[in-house]
């Protein structure tokens, strides 16, 4: 999933992402969201989702934050 920042950063930011959901599926831990760090630029980045969950209905949302220090 490509993410484009509404306002570009002056330098390449640090990006962190996580899954969020109200699901109570027992195998939900088989899902992993991660940032493709090679894709991070001043303008955006790419989030990837690894889905080893075999239970139907696992439809996570992904939260992210980008910041510079």
C-alpha atoms as a PDB file:
ATOM      1  CA  UNK A   1       0.000   0.000   0.000  1.00  0.00           C
ATOM      2  CA  UNK A   2       1.542   3.287  -1.068  1.00  0.00           C
ATOM      3  CA  UNK A   3       1.292   6.178   1.390  1.00  0.00           C
ATOM      4  CA  UNK A   4       1.786   9.750   0.177  1.00  0.00           C
ATOM      5  CA  UNK A   5       2.347  12.454   2.799  1.00  0.00           C
ATOM      6  CA  UNK A   6      -0.034  15.429   2.567  1.00  0.00           C
ATOM      7  CA  UNK A   7       2.981  17.697   3.024  1.00  0.00           C
ATOM      8  CA  UNK A   8       6.473  16.441   2.086  1.00  0.00           C
ATOM      9  CA  UNK A   9       9.122  16.355   4.819  1.00  0.00           C
ATOM     10  CA  UNK A  10      12.320  18.408   4.522  1.00  0.00           C
ATOM     11  CA  UNK A  11      14.363  15.263   5.247  1.00  0.00           C
ATOM     12  CA  UNK A  12      13.548  11.543   5.044  1.00  0.00           C
ATOM     13  CA  UNK A  13      11.454  10.710   8.133  1.00  0.00           C
ATOM     14  CA  UNK A  14      11.425   7.684  10.394  1.00  0.00           C
ATOM     15  CA  UNK A  15       8.223   5.703   9.804  1.00  0.00           C
ATOM     16  CA  UNK A  16       6.569   3.200  12.162  1.00  0.00           C
ATOM     17  CA  UNK A  17       3.432   1.172  11.436  1.00  0.00           C
ATOM     18  CA  UNK A  18       1.237  -1.281  13.318  1.00  0.00           C
ATOM     19  CA  UNK A  19      -1.955  -3.290  12.888  1.00  0.00           C
ATOM     20  CA  UNK A  20      -5.190  -2.192  14.507  1.00  0.00           C
ATOM     21  CA  UNK A  21      -8.410  -4.134  14.765  1.00  0.00           C
ATOM     22  CA  UNK A  22     -11.214  -5.080  17.091  1.00  0.00           C
ATOM     23  CA  UNK A  23     -11.081  -8.693  15.884  1.00  0.00           C
ATOM     24  CA  UNK A  24     -10.953 -11.580  18.350  1.00  0.00           C
ATOM     25  CA  UNK A  25      -9.728 -14.167  15.821  1.00  0.00           C
ATOM     26  CA  UNK A  26      -7.281 -16.454  17.653  1.00  0.00           C
ATOM     27  CA  UNK A  27      -4.801 -16.646  14.742  1.00  0.00           C
ATOM     28  CA  UNK A  28      -4.793 -12.895  14.174  1.00  0.00           C
ATOM     29  CA  UNK A  29      -1.147 -12.808  15.312  1.00  0.00           C
ATOM     30  CA  UNK A  30      -0.213 -14.430  11.996  1.00  0.00           C
ATOM     31  CA  UNK A  31      -0.571 -10.999  10.350  1.00  0.00           C
ATOM     32  CA  UNK A  32       2.385  -8.610  10.253  1.00  0.00           C
ATOM     33  CA  UNK A  33       2.508  -5.077   8.867  1.00  0.00           C
ATOM     34  CA  UNK A  34       5.861  -3.527   8.039  1.00  0.00           C
ATOM     35  CA  UNK A  35       7.373  -0.535   6.289  1.00  0.00           C
ATOM     36  CA  UNK A  36       9.498  -1.196   3.208  1.00  0.00           C
ATOM     37  CA  UNK A  37      12.347   1.053   4.403  1.00  0.00           C
ATOM     38  CA  UNK A  38      13.930   1.126   0.955  1.00  0.00           C
ATOM     39  CA  UNK A  39      10.782   2.956  -0.188  1.00  0.00           C
ATOM     40  CA  UNK A  40      10.775   5.782   2.401  1.00  0.00           C
ATOM     41  CA  UNK A  41      11.279   9.211   0.837  1.00  0.00           C
ATOM     42  CA  UNK A  42      10.423  12.801   1.752  1.00  0.00           C
ATOM     43  CA  UNK A  43       7.131  12.293  -0.104  1.00  0.00           C
ATOM     44  CA  UNK A  44       5.901   8.916   1.200  1.00  0.00           C
ATOM     45  CA  UNK A  45       6.566   5.207   1.662  1.00  0.00           C
ATOM     46  CA  UNK A  46       5.167   1.710   1.090  1.00  0.00           C
ATOM     47  CA  UNK A  47       3.521  -0.474   3.759  1.00  0.00           C
ATOM     48  CA  UNK A  48       3.550  -4.230   3.214  1.00  0.00           C
ATOM     49  CA  UNK A  49       1.353  -6.804   4.953  1.00  0.00           C
ATOM     50  CA  UNK A  50       2.426 -10.401   5.543  1.00  0.00           C
ATOM     51  CA  UNK A  51      -0.664 -12.570   5.943  1.00  0.00           C
ATOM     52  CA  UNK A  52      -0.133 -16.143   7.155  1.00  0.00           C
ATOM     53  CA  UNK A  53      -3.579 -16.170   8.781  1.00  0.00           C
ATOM     54  CA  UNK A  54      -5.778 -18.916   7.307  1.00  0.00           C
ATOM     55  CA  UNK A  55      -8.934 -17.821   9.160  1.00  0.00           C
ATOM     56  CA  UNK A  56     -11.339 -15.831   7.011  1.00  0.00           C
ATOM     57  CA  UNK A  57     -12.461 -12.457   8.279  1.00  0.00           C
ATOM     58  CA  UNK A  58      -9.055 -11.084   9.280  1.00  0.00           C
ATOM     59  CA  UNK A  59      -9.247  -7.611   7.769  1.00  0.00           C
ATOM     60  CA  UNK A  60      -6.809  -5.368   9.624  1.00  0.00           C
ATOM     61  CA  UNK A  61      -6.322  -1.656   9.358  1.00  0.00           C
ATOM     62  CA  UNK A  62      -2.822  -0.238   9.486  1.00  0.00           C
ATOM     63  CA  UNK A  63      -1.855   2.796  11.563  1.00  0.00           C
ATOM     64  CA  UNK A  64       1.360   4.662  10.900  1.00  0.00           C
ATOM     65  CA  UNK A  65       3.314   7.700  12.016  1.00  0.00           C
ATOM     66  CA  UNK A  66       6.192   9.530  10.359  1.00  0.00           C
ATOM     67  CA  UNK A  67       8.502  11.856  12.261  1.00  0.00           C
ATOM     68  CA  UNK A  68      11.910  13.501  12.153  1.00  0.00           C
ATOM     69  CA  UNK A  69      14.184  14.123  15.108  1.00  0.00           C
END
